[in-house]
Each structure stands twice: as structure tokens, then as C-alpha cells.
Amino acid sequence: MAVTACQGLGFVVSLIGIGGIIAATCMDQWSTQDLYNNPVTAVFNYQGLWRSCVRESSGFTECRGYFTMLGLPVY
């Protein structure tokens, strides 16, 4: 009985881990740059694996997808 419970718990934990991997891959905020304290440009830049986004202090967000592997940043 204890072995079955341990296997079931391991299976549930692995499903949670797979869900976390999928969620992290889809998110856009892998790299962030906060410029809200800059009086000239109050923007928030963030980049993901699939696109780069800019959020302005007015609430407007603009995202542009990466169309080629050659144009990606080195990191």
C-alpha cells in the first residue's frame, strides 16, 4: 500500500513539473528590463523565447515575434 501511494505521489509531482515546464516555455518574461524610474522613457522591456515586448507607462503593450533564428540575442 505504501509503495502504491509513493508511486502515485511521484506521478502527481511529475505532472506538476511537466506543467511548469510548459508554462515557463510559453511565458514572455525570460529577460526583463525595468525603466520606470527613468524620467525620459518610462517603459518595461521583456523578452521571451518567441517574442520581444515593450510595455509603456500608459499601459500600451507592443510585442514583436522573432521571425528568424539568426536575429536572436546571444544569451
PDB file of N, CA and C in Angstrom:
ATOM      1  N   MET A   1       0.814  -1.193   0.000  1.00  0.00           N
ATOM      2  CA  MET A   1       0.000   0.000   0.000  1.00  0.00           C
ATOM      3  C   MET A   1       0.860   1.261   0.000  1.00  0.00           C
ATOM      4  N   ALA A   2       1.947   1.238   0.785  1.00  0.00           N
ATOM      5  CA  ALA A   2       2.821   2.406   0.873  1.00  0.00           C
ATOM      6  C   ALA A   2       3.563   2.635  -0.449  1.00  0.00           C
ATOM      7  N   VAL A   3       3.903   1.539  -1.119  1.00  0.00           N
ATOM      8  CA  VAL A   3       4.606   1.661  -2.395  1.00  0.00           C
ATOM      9  C   VAL A   3       3.693   2.291  -3.436  1.00  0.00           C
ATOM     10  N   THR A   4       2.423   1.898  -3.462  1.00  0.00           N
ATOM     11  CA  THR A   4       1.471   2.448  -4.417  1.00  0.00           C
ATOM     12  C   THR A   4       1.229   3.937  -4.153  1.00  0.00           C
ATOM     13  N   ALA A   5       1.144   4.324  -2.892  1.00  0.00           N
ATOM     14  CA  ALA A   5       0.956   5.738  -2.548  1.00  0.00           C
ATOM     15  C   ALA A   5       2.174   6.557  -2.953  1.00  0.00           C
ATOM     16  N   CYS A   6       3.352   5.998  -2.750  1.00  0.00           N
ATOM     17  CA  CYS A   6       4.588   6.694  -3.136  1.00  0.00           C
ATOM     18  C   CYS A   6       4.679   6.847  -4.651  1.00  0.00           C
ATOM     19  N   GLN A   7       4.303   5.829  -5.385  1.00  0.00           N
ATOM     20  CA  GLN A   7       4.295   5.913  -6.846  1.00  0.00           C
ATOM     21  C   GLN A   7       3.256   6.919  -7.331  1.00  0.00           C
ATOM     22  N   GLY A   8       2.093   6.940  -6.719  1.00  0.00           N
ATOM     23  CA  GLY A   8       1.053   7.897  -7.090  1.00  0.00           C
ATOM     24  C   GLY A   8       1.486   9.325  -6.820  1.00  0.00           C
ATOM     25  N   LEU A   9       2.122   9.557  -5.672  1.00  0.00           N
ATOM     26  CA  LEU A   9       2.625  10.886  -5.354  1.00  0.00           C
ATOM     27  C   LEU A   9       3.718  11.307  -6.338  1.00  0.00           C
ATOM     28  N   GLY A  10       4.589  10.380  -6.694  1.00  0.00           N
ATOM     29  CA  GLY A  10       5.624  10.682  -7.680  1.00  0.00           C
ATOM     30  C   GLY A  10       5.045  11.030  -9.034  1.00  0.00           C
ATOM     31  N   PHE A  11       3.970  10.336  -9.416  1.00  0.00           N
ATOM     32  CA  PHE A  11       3.315  10.626 -10.689  1.00  0.00           C
ATOM     33  C   PHE A  11       2.684  12.012 -10.674  1.00  0.00           C
ATOM     34  N   VAL A  12       2.039  12.386  -9.578  1.00  0.00           N
ATOM     35  CA  VAL A  12       1.414  13.709  -9.469  1.00  0.00           C
ATOM     36  C   VAL A  12       2.473  14.805  -9.494  1.00  0.00           C
ATOM     37  N   VAL A  13       3.567  14.603  -8.792  1.00  0.00           N
ATOM     38  CA  VAL A  13       4.648  15.589  -8.786  1.00  0.00           C
ATOM     39  C   VAL A  13       5.260  15.731 -10.178  1.00  0.00           C
ATOM     40  N   SER A  14       5.389  14.640 -10.907  1.00  0.00           N
ATOM     41  CA  SER A  14       5.937  14.727 -12.267  1.00  0.00           C
ATOM     42  C   SER A  14       4.983  15.469 -13.198  1.00  0.00           C
ATOM     43  N   LEU A  15       3.675  15.286 -13.025  1.00  0.00           N
ATOM     44  CA  LEU A  15       2.712  16.040 -13.840  1.00  0.00           C
ATOM     45  C   LEU A  15       2.783  17.531 -13.546  1.00  0.00           C
ATOM     46  N   ILE A  16       2.942  17.883 -12.278  1.00  0.00           N
ATOM     47  CA  ILE A  16       3.101  19.297 -11.917  1.00  0.00           C
ATOM     48  C   ILE A  16       4.374  19.863 -12.538  1.00  0.00           C
ATOM     49  N   GLY A  17       5.444  19.095 -12.551  1.00  0.00           N
ATOM     50  CA  GLY A  17       6.699  19.534 -13.166  1.00  0.00           C
ATOM     51  C   GLY A  17       6.575  19.736 -14.662  1.00  0.00           C
ATOM     52  N   ILE A  18       5.891  18.836 -15.340  1.00  0.00           N
ATOM     53  CA  ILE A  18       5.682  18.982 -16.786  1.00  0.00           C
ATOM     54  C   ILE A  18       4.835  20.212 -17.076  1.00  0.00           C
ATOM     55  N   GLY A  19       3.814  20.449 -16.248  1.00  0.00           N
ATOM     56  CA  GLY A  19       3.002  21.659 -16.412  1.00  0.00           C
ATOM     57  C   GLY A  19       3.828  22.917 -16.207  1.00  0.00           C
ATOM     58  N   GLY A  20       4.746  22.899 -15.246  1.00  0.00           N
ATOM     59  CA  GLY A  20       5.634  24.037 -15.027  1.00  0.00           C
ATOM     60  C   GLY A  20       6.574  24.274 -16.193  1.00  0.00           C
ATOM     61  N   ILE A  21       7.069  23.220 -16.802  1.00  0.00           N
ATOM     62  CA  ILE A  21       7.945  23.357 -17.972  1.00  0.00           C
ATOM     63  C   ILE A  21       7.188  23.971 -19.139  1.00  0.00           C
ATOM     64  N   ILE A  22       5.975  23.517 -19.373  1.00  0.00           N
ATOM     65  CA  ILE A  22       5.162  24.059 -20.466  1.00  0.00           C
ATOM     66  C   ILE A  22       4.847  25.527 -20.209  1.00  0.00           C
ATOM     67  N   ALA A  23       4.477  25.872 -18.980  1.00  0.00           N
ATOM     68  CA  ALA A  23       4.155  27.265 -18.654  1.00  0.00           C
ATOM     69  C   ALA A  23       5.377  28.171 -18.808  1.00  0.00           C
ATOM     70  N   ALA A  24       6.539  27.719 -18.347  1.00  0.00           N
ATOM     71  CA  ALA A  24       7.748  28.540 -18.447  1.00  0.00           C
ATOM     72  C   ALA A  24       8.184  28.726 -19.891  1.00  0.00           C
ATOM     73  N   THR A  25       7.989  27.736 -20.727  1.00  0.00           N
ATOM     74  CA  THR A  25       8.362  27.853 -22.131  1.00  0.00           C
ATOM     75  C   THR A  25       7.467  28.850 -22.855  1.00  0.00           C
ATOM     76  N   CYS A  26       6.214  28.923 -22.492  1.00  0.00           N
ATOM     77  CA  CYS A  26       5.269  29.818 -23.157  1.00  0.00           C
ATOM     78  C   CYS A  26       5.367  31.262 -22.671  1.00  0.00           C
ATOM     79  N   MET A  27       5.927  31.506 -21.493  1.00  0.00           N
ATOM     80  CA  MET A  27       5.976  32.858 -20.932  1.00  0.00           C
ATOM     81  C   MET A  27       6.937  33.741 -21.717  1.00  0.00           C
ATOM     82  N   ASP A  28       6.630  35.053 -21.705  1.00  0.00           N
ATOM     83  CA  ASP A  28       7.460  36.026 -22.416  1.00  0.00           C
ATOM     84  C   ASP A  28       8.489  36.701 -21.523  1.00  0.00           C
ATOM     85  N   GLN A  29       8.455  36.501 -20.248  1.00  0.00           N
ATOM     86  CA  GLN A  29       9.307  37.265 -19.352  1.00  0.00           C
ATOM     87  C   GLN A  29      10.535  36.477 -18.905  1.00  0.00           C
ATOM     88  N   TRP A  30      11.321  36.040 -19.863  1.00  0.00           N
ATOM     89  CA  TRP A  30      12.579  35.362 -19.562  1.00  0.00           C
ATOM     90  C   TRP A  30      13.661  36.380 -19.230  1.00  0.00           C
ATOM     91  N   SER A  31      13.633  37.509 -19.888  1.00  0.00           N
ATOM     92  CA  SER A  31      14.594  38.576 -19.654  1.00  0.00           C
ATOM     93  C   SER A  31      13.813  39.877 -19.536  1.00  0.00           C
ATOM     94  N   THR A  32      13.993  40.597 -18.416  1.00  0.00           N
ATOM     95  CA  THR A  32      13.244  41.835 -18.208  1.00  0.00           C
ATOM     96  C   THR A  32      14.189  42.998 -17.990  1.00  0.00           C
ATOM     97  N   GLN A  33      13.725  44.179 -18.350  1.00  0.00           N
ATOM     98  CA  GLN A  33      14.470  45.414 -18.132  1.00  0.00           C
ATOM     99  C   GLN A  33      13.464  46.482 -17.732  1.00  0.00           C
ATOM    100  N   ASP A  34      13.557  46.966 -16.508  1.00  0.00           N
ATOM    101  CA  ASP A  34      12.611  47.935 -15.970  1.00  0.00           C
ATOM    102  C   ASP A  34      13.201  49.330 -16.079  1.00  0.00           C
ATOM    103  N   LEU A  35      12.546  50.192 -16.837  1.00  0.00           N
ATOM    104  CA  LEU A  35      12.991  51.575 -16.996  1.00  0.00           C
ATOM    105  C   LEU A  35      11.940  52.547 -16.474  1.00  0.00           C
ATOM    106  N   TYR A  36      11.136  52.146 -15.474  1.00  0.00           N
ATOM    107  CA  TYR A  36      10.104  53.028 -14.939  1.00  0.00           C
ATOM    108  C   TYR A  36      10.696  54.211 -14.185  1.00  0.00           C
ATOM    109  N   ASN A  37      11.873  54.063 -13.609  1.00  0.00           N
ATOM    110  CA  ASN A  37      12.487  55.158 -12.857  1.00  0.00           C
ATOM    111  C   ASN A  37      13.172  56.178 -13.754  1.00  0.00           C
ATOM    112  N   ASN A  38      13.317  55.871 -15.025  1.00  0.00           N
ATOM    113  CA  ASN A  38      13.926  56.787 -15.974  1.00  0.00           C
ATOM    114  C   ASN A  38      12.878  57.817 -16.390  1.00  0.00           C
ATOM    115  N   PRO A  39      13.107  59.114 -16.149  1.00  0.00           N
ATOM    116  CA  PRO A  39      12.075  60.113 -16.476  1.00  0.00           C
ATOM    117  C   PRO A  39      11.880  60.325 -17.975  1.00  0.00           C
ATOM    118  N   VAL A  40      12.852  59.955 -18.785  1.00  0.00           N
ATOM    119  CA  VAL A  40      12.741  60.179 -20.225  1.00  0.00           C
ATOM    120  C   VAL A  40      11.857  59.120 -20.871  1.00  0.00           C
ATOM    121  N   THR A  41      12.119  57.864 -20.588  1.00  0.00           N
ATOM    122  CA  THR A  41      11.342  56.767 -21.162  1.00  0.00           C
ATOM    123  C   THR A  41      10.870  55.856 -20.046  1.00  0.00           C
ATOM    124  N   ALA A  42       9.606  55.883 -19.729  1.00  0.00           N
ATOM    125  CA  ALA A  42       9.044  55.021 -18.687  1.00  0.00           C
ATOM    126  C   ALA A  42       8.465  53.781 -19.363  1.00  0.00           C
ATOM    127  N   VAL A  43       9.326  52.822 -19.651  1.00  0.00           N
ATOM    128  CA  VAL A  43       8.898  51.603 -20.334  1.00  0.00           C
ATOM    129  C   VAL A  43       9.408  50.385 -19.567  1.00  0.00           C
ATOM    130  N   PHE A  44       8.819  49.247 -19.867  1.00  0.00           N
ATOM    131  CA  PHE A  44       9.197  47.967 -19.277  1.00  0.00           C
ATOM    132  C   PHE A  44       9.408  47.006 -20.427  1.00  0.00           C
ATOM    133  N   ASN A  45      10.657  46.609 -20.662  1.00  0.00           N
ATOM    134  CA  ASN A  45      11.003  45.700 -21.747  1.00  0.00           C
ATOM    135  C   ASN A  45      11.096  44.282 -21.207  1.00  0.00           C
ATOM    136  N   TYR A  46      10.536  43.328 -21.933  1.00  0.00           N
ATOM    137  CA  TYR A  46      10.716  41.928 -21.577  1.00  0.00           C
ATOM    138  C   TYR A  46      10.760  41.091 -22.838  1.00  0.00           C
ATOM    139  N   GLN A  47      11.550  40.011 -22.757  1.00  0.00           N
ATOM    140  CA  GLN A  47      11.771  39.139 -23.908  1.00  0.00           C
ATOM    141  C   GLN A  47      11.557  37.700 -23.497  1.00  0.00           C
ATOM    142  N   GLY A  48      11.012  36.942 -24.403  1.00  0.00           N
ATOM    143  CA  GLY A  48      10.824  35.517 -24.192  1.00  0.00           C
ATOM    144  C   GLY A  48      11.524  34.722 -25.267  1.00  0.00           C
ATOM    145  N   LEU A  49      11.189  33.451 -25.362  1.00  0.00           N
ATOM    146  CA  LEU A  49      11.780  32.605 -26.394  1.00  0.00           C
ATOM    147  C   LEU A  49      11.174  32.866 -27.759  1.00  0.00           C
ATOM    148  N   TRP A  50       9.963  33.404 -27.803  1.00  0.00           N
ATOM    149  CA  TRP A  50       9.235  33.518 -29.060  1.00  0.00           C
ATOM    150  C   TRP A  50       9.018  34.947 -29.518  1.00  0.00           C
ATOM    151  N   ARG A  51       9.072  35.945 -28.593  1.00  0.00           N
ATOM    152  CA  ARG A  51       8.835  37.331 -28.981  1.00  0.00           C
ATOM    153  C   ARG A  51       9.415  38.292 -27.957  1.00  0.00           C
ATOM    154  N   SER A  52       9.513  39.555 -28.346  1.00  0.00           N
ATOM    155  CA  SER A  52      10.014  40.635 -27.508  1.00  0.00           C
ATOM    156  C   SER A  52       8.896  41.654 -27.334  1.00  0.00           C
ATOM    157  N   CYS A  53       8.674  42.125 -26.107  1.00  0.00           N
ATOM    158  CA  CYS A  53       7.561  43.032 -25.821  1.00  0.00           C
ATOM    159  C   CYS A  53       8.051  44.275 -25.095  1.00  0.00           C
ATOM    160  N   VAL A  54       7.317  45.379 -25.298  1.00  0.00           N
ATOM    161  CA  VAL A  54       7.565  46.645 -24.619  1.00  0.00           C
ATOM    162  C   VAL A  54       6.247  47.120 -24.043  1.00  0.00           C
ATOM    163  N   ARG A  55       6.229  47.413 -22.733  1.00  0.00           N
ATOM    164  CA  ARG A  55       5.040  47.951 -22.084  1.00  0.00           C
ATOM    165  C   ARG A  55       5.353  49.367 -21.633  1.00  0.00           C
ATOM    166  N   GLU A  56       4.562  50.325 -22.078  1.00  0.00           N
ATOM    167  CA  GLU A  56       4.766  51.714 -21.706  1.00  0.00           C
ATOM    168  C   GLU A  56       3.998  52.039 -20.435  1.00  0.00           C
ATOM    169  N   SER A  57       4.301  53.198 -19.845  1.00  0.00           N
ATOM    170  CA  SER A  57       3.637  53.594 -18.604  1.00  0.00           C
ATOM    171  C   SER A  57       2.152  53.871 -18.816  1.00  0.00           C
ATOM    172  N   SER A  58       1.748  54.124 -20.057  1.00  0.00           N
ATOM    173  CA  SER A  58       0.335  54.362 -20.349  1.00  0.00           C
ATOM    174  C   SER A  58      -0.477  53.066 -20.363  1.00  0.00           C
ATOM    175  N   GLY A  59       0.188  51.929 -20.327  1.00  0.00           N
ATOM    176  CA  GLY A  59      -0.484  50.641 -20.344  1.00  0.00           C
ATOM    177  C   GLY A  59      -0.463  49.965 -21.704  1.00  0.00           C
ATOM    178  N   PHE A  60       0.005  50.652 -22.721  1.00  0.00           N
ATOM    179  CA  PHE A  60       0.077  50.092 -24.070  1.00  0.00           C
ATOM    180  C   PHE A  60       1.217  49.075 -24.145  1.00  0.00           C
ATOM    181  N   THR A  61       0.930  47.917 -24.688  1.00  0.00           N
ATOM    182  CA  THR A  61       1.935  46.867 -24.849  1.00  0.00           C
ATOM    183  C   THR A  61       2.077  46.512 -26.322  1.00  0.00           C
ATOM    184  N   GLU A  62       3.310  46.458 -26.787  1.00  0.00           N
ATOM    185  CA  GLU A  62       3.585  46.078 -28.174  1.00  0.00           C
ATOM    186  C   GLU A  62       4.551  44.902 -28.174  1.00  0.00           C
ATOM    187  N   CYS A  63       4.177  43.839 -28.869  1.00  0.00           N
ATOM    188  CA  CYS A  63       5.010  42.643 -28.952  1.00  0.00           C
ATOM    189  C   CYS A  63       5.353  42.352 -30.414  1.00  0.00           C
ATOM    190  N   ARG A  64       6.575  41.944 -30.623  1.00  0.00           N
ATOM    191  CA  ARG A  64       7.029  41.554 -31.958  1.00  0.00           C
ATOM    192  C   ARG A  64       7.678  40.183 -31.876  1.00  0.00           C
ATOM    193  N   GLY A  65       7.239  39.315 -32.738  1.00  0.00           N
ATOM    194  CA  GLY A  65       7.776  37.959 -32.750  1.00  0.00           C
ATOM    195  C   GLY A  65       9.125  37.885 -33.422  1.00  0.00           C
ATOM    196  N   TYR A  66       9.895  36.874 -33.047  1.00  0.00           N
ATOM    197  CA  TYR A  66      11.156  36.599 -33.719  1.00  0.00           C
ATOM    198  C   TYR A  66      10.851  35.767 -34.957  1.00  0.00           C
ATOM    199  N   PHE A  67      11.247  36.267 -36.119  1.00  0.00           N
ATOM    200  CA  PHE A  67      10.926  35.593 -37.364  1.00  0.00           C
ATOM    201  C   PHE A  67      12.072  34.737 -37.887  1.00  0.00           C
ATOM    202  N   THR A  68      13.247  34.859 -37.284  1.00  0.00           N
ATOM    203  CA  THR A  68      14.384  34.082 -37.732  1.00  0.00           C
ATOM    204  C   THR A  68      15.260  33.725 -36.540  1.00  0.00           C
ATOM    205  N   MET A  69      15.916  32.622 -36.595  1.00  0.00           N
ATOM    206  CA  MET A  69      16.825  32.208 -35.531  1.00  0.00           C
ATOM    207  C   MET A  69      18.102  33.051 -35.539  1.00  0.00           C
ATOM    208  N   LEU A  70      18.459  33.628 -36.673  1.00  0.00           N
ATOM    209  CA  LEU A  70      19.699  34.402 -36.782  1.00  0.00           C
ATOM    210  C   LEU A  70      19.596  35.742 -36.096  1.00  0.00           C
ATOM    211  N   GLY A  71      18.392  36.275 -35.888  1.00  0.00           N
ATOM    212  CA  GLY A  71      18.231  37.582 -35.272  1.00  0.00           C
ATOM    213  C   GLY A  71      18.090  37.554 -33.764  1.00  0.00           C
ATOM    214  N   LEU A  72      18.196  36.391 -33.141  1.00  0.00           N
ATOM    215  CA  LEU A  72      18.043  36.285 -31.692  1.00  0.00           C
ATOM    216  C   LEU A  72      19.267  36.791 -30.961  1.00  0.00           C
ATOM    217  N   PRO A  73      19.081  37.328 -29.742  1.00  0.00           N
ATOM    218  CA  PRO A  73      20.238  37.716 -28.949  1.00  0.00           C
ATOM    219  C   PRO A  73      21.082  36.508 -28.567  1.00  0.00           C
ATOM    220  N   VAL A  74      22.331  36.747 -28.199  1.00  0.00           N
ATOM    221  CA  VAL A  74      23.274  35.664 -27.930  1.00  0.00           C
ATOM    222  C   VAL A  74      22.865  34.855 -26.701  1.00  0.00           C
ATOM    223  N   TYR A  75      22.387  35.515 -25.661  1.00  0.00           N
ATOM    224  CA  TYR A  75      22.047  34.787 -24.437  1.00  0.00           C
ATOM    225  C   TYR A  75      20.853  33.929 -24.640  1.00  0.00           C
TER     226      TYR A  75
END
